[in-house]
Amino acid sequence: MNQSATLEEVIEVGGVITDRQPVDFHRLGLAGCIDRLTVPLRRQGTYVRWETPHHGVEISSDCAALLYQSAQEALSNTFKHAHATDVTVRLASVFHGIRLMVADNGTGFESVRPAAEGVNGHGLRTISQAVEEAGGTVDITSAPGTGTAITITIPLD
């Protein structure tokens, strides 16, 4: 199967970015799997910048799946709501953990709840709960007209 046929398997359905192929962390790595999720954004003309300053961090399949699902939700929200022209995806090791950040220059939103209480969307709320159950943290920074940054940190020990 060639690369273009493989990328055609990444689609959006109702604004949700999905990969019709099984996620293969062993073949593509976590960054490669997340990068596939950016295809619909690129097709609509959004510039996607990748930052992966550290390579080769070994993480469990559960941690990789949680980060992948988190990226899928964040990128779907960017695709569906943000009207962004620029998206940055950063995957980096941090002290005893791994951090995923998805930031866009889109429309942003005004949080109707205090940050400590939770987040607005059902998908982000579900991801936040799963990350917290894994001992991690989710930080969402957004305001109207300033874009949105979602940072997820998961401990590795």
Protein backbone atom coordinates (compact mmCIF):
# COMPACT_ATOMS: atom_id res chain seq x y z
CA MET A 1 0.00 0.00 0.00
CA ASN A 2 1.46 3.37 -0.95
CA GLN A 3 1.57 6.41 1.37
CA SER A 4 -1.19 8.38 -0.41
CA ALA A 5 -3.58 5.43 -0.25
CA THR A 6 -2.76 5.08 3.43
CA LEU A 7 -3.45 8.76 4.11
CA GLU A 8 -6.80 8.52 2.29
CA GLU A 9 -7.89 6.30 5.17
CA VAL A 10 -7.81 9.33 7.49
CA ILE A 11 -11.14 11.13 7.18
CA GLU A 12 -13.48 13.34 9.11
CA VAL A 13 -17.02 12.32 9.84
CA GLY A 14 -19.26 15.02 11.26
CA GLY A 15 -16.17 17.01 12.21
CA VAL A 16 -14.53 14.11 14.05
CA ILE A 17 -11.18 13.09 12.62
CA THR A 18 -10.85 9.33 12.41
CA ASP A 19 -8.42 6.83 10.95
CA ARG A 20 -10.13 3.86 9.34
CA GLN A 21 -6.93 1.83 9.67
CA PRO A 22 -6.04 0.24 13.02
CA VAL A 23 -3.64 2.40 15.02
CA ASP A 24 -0.18 0.87 14.68
CA PHE A 25 2.13 2.40 17.29
CA HIS A 26 4.82 -0.22 16.58
CA ARG A 27 5.11 0.62 12.88
CA LEU A 28 4.50 4.39 12.91
CA GLY A 29 5.28 5.37 16.49
CA LEU A 30 3.00 7.61 18.52
CA ALA A 31 4.08 10.76 16.64
CA GLY A 32 3.43 9.09 13.27
CA CYS A 33 -0.03 7.96 14.33
CA ILE A 34 -0.92 11.43 15.61
CA ASP A 35 0.53 13.02 12.47
CA ARG A 36 -1.91 10.97 10.37
CA LEU A 37 -4.73 12.68 12.26
CA THR A 38 -3.61 16.06 10.90
CA VAL A 39 -4.36 15.09 7.27
CA PRO A 40 -7.90 16.58 7.19
CA LEU A 41 -6.55 19.85 8.63
CA ARG A 42 -3.84 19.97 5.97
CA ARG A 43 -6.39 19.21 3.25
CA GLN A 44 -8.38 22.29 4.27
CA GLY A 45 -5.23 24.44 4.11
CA THR A 46 -4.25 24.57 7.79
CA TYR A 47 -0.48 24.72 8.32
CA VAL A 48 0.57 22.00 10.80
CA ARG A 49 3.88 22.41 12.65
CA TRP A 50 5.34 19.43 14.48
CA GLU A 51 7.72 19.75 17.41
CA THR A 52 9.23 16.56 18.79
CA PRO A 53 12.40 17.64 20.58
CA HIS A 54 13.06 14.24 22.12
CA HIS A 55 12.80 10.91 20.36
CA GLY A 56 12.87 7.35 21.60
CA VAL A 57 10.92 7.66 24.84
CA GLU A 58 9.48 4.29 25.68
CA ILE A 59 5.85 4.44 26.77
CA SER A 60 3.23 1.81 27.43
CA SER A 61 0.55 1.04 24.86
CA ASP A 62 -2.09 2.33 27.31
CA CYS A 63 -0.29 5.67 27.62
CA ALA A 64 0.18 5.88 23.83
CA ALA A 65 -3.51 5.12 23.27
CA LEU A 66 -4.55 7.81 25.76
CA LEU A 67 -2.29 10.42 24.13
CA TYR A 68 -3.54 9.40 20.68
CA GLN A 69 -7.19 9.72 21.75
CA SER A 70 -6.42 13.07 23.36
CA ALA A 71 -4.78 14.31 20.16
CA GLN A 72 -7.71 13.01 18.14
CA GLU A 73 -10.16 15.01 20.27
CA ALA A 74 -8.05 18.18 20.24
CA LEU A 75 -7.44 18.03 16.48
CA SER A 76 -11.10 17.25 15.79
CA ASN A 77 -12.12 20.30 17.81
CA THR A 78 -9.62 22.41 15.89
CA PHE A 79 -10.95 21.06 12.59
CA LYS A 80 -14.61 21.47 13.48
CA HIS A 81 -14.69 24.70 15.50
CA ALA A 82 -11.48 26.74 15.45
CA HIS A 83 -11.19 27.97 11.84
CA ALA A 84 -7.44 27.93 12.49
CA THR A 85 -4.81 28.60 9.86
CA ASP A 86 -1.94 27.31 12.01
CA VAL A 87 -1.70 24.35 14.39
CA THR A 88 1.28 23.24 16.47
CA VAL A 89 1.55 19.70 17.80
CA ARG A 90 4.29 19.13 20.35
CA LEU A 91 5.17 15.74 21.83
CA ALA A 92 7.99 15.83 24.36
CA SER A 93 9.38 14.01 27.33
CA VAL A 94 9.25 15.89 30.60
CA PHE A 95 10.55 14.97 34.03
CA HIS A 96 9.09 11.47 34.65
CA GLY A 97 6.44 11.88 31.98
CA ILE A 98 5.37 12.71 28.49
CA ARG A 99 3.56 15.82 27.34
CA LEU A 100 1.31 16.42 24.35
CA MET A 101 0.38 19.96 23.38
CA VAL A 102 -1.99 20.92 20.58
CA ALA A 103 -2.27 24.67 20.00
CA ASP A 104 -4.07 26.61 17.30
CA ASN A 105 -4.53 30.22 16.24
CA GLY A 106 -8.26 29.80 15.77
CA THR A 107 -11.32 31.50 17.19
CA GLY A 108 -10.82 30.24 20.74
CA PHE A 109 -13.66 30.14 23.23
CA GLU A 110 -14.62 31.62 26.54
CA SER A 111 -14.63 29.13 29.34
CA VAL A 112 -17.91 29.30 31.24
CA ARG A 113 -16.49 27.37 34.18
CA PRO A 114 -13.47 27.99 36.38
CA ALA A 115 -10.50 26.02 35.04
CA ALA A 116 -10.35 23.84 38.14
CA GLU A 117 -13.95 22.72 37.63
CA GLY A 118 -13.52 21.23 34.20
CA VAL A 119 -13.89 21.98 30.54
CA ASN A 120 -16.70 22.90 28.16
CA GLY A 121 -16.97 20.06 25.64
CA HIS A 122 -18.11 16.52 26.30
CA GLY A 123 -15.13 15.05 24.42
CA LEU A 124 -12.61 17.17 26.28
CA ARG A 125 -14.31 16.37 29.57
CA THR A 126 -14.06 12.63 28.82
CA ILE A 127 -10.38 12.94 27.87
CA SER A 128 -9.70 15.02 31.02
CA GLN A 129 -11.25 12.33 33.21
CA ALA A 130 -9.25 9.57 31.54
CA VAL A 131 -6.00 11.52 31.84
CA GLU A 132 -6.66 12.30 35.51
CA GLU A 133 -7.42 8.61 36.19
CA ALA A 134 -3.99 7.83 34.69
CA GLY A 135 -2.43 10.30 37.15
CA GLY A 136 -1.96 13.01 34.54
CA THR A 137 -3.09 16.58 34.05
CA VAL A 138 -4.94 18.52 31.37
CA ASP A 139 -4.54 22.26 30.93
CA ILE A 140 -6.76 24.13 28.49
CA THR A 141 -5.99 27.75 27.71
CA SER A 142 -8.36 29.65 25.43
CA ALA A 143 -10.05 32.98 24.97
CA PRO A 144 -12.14 34.37 22.13
CA GLY A 145 -9.93 35.44 19.25
CA THR A 146 -6.70 34.05 20.72
CA GLY A 147 -6.84 30.36 19.80
CA THR A 148 -6.67 27.36 22.07
CA ALA A 149 -3.86 25.34 23.62
CA ILE A 150 -4.50 21.93 25.17
CA THR A 151 -1.63 20.45 27.17
CA ILE A 152 -1.78 16.88 28.46
CA THR A 153 0.91 15.52 30.74
CA ILE A 154 1.02 11.84 31.74
CA PRO A 155 3.51 10.37 34.22
CA LEU A 156 5.59 7.44 33.00
CA ASP A 157 6.50 5.88 36.33
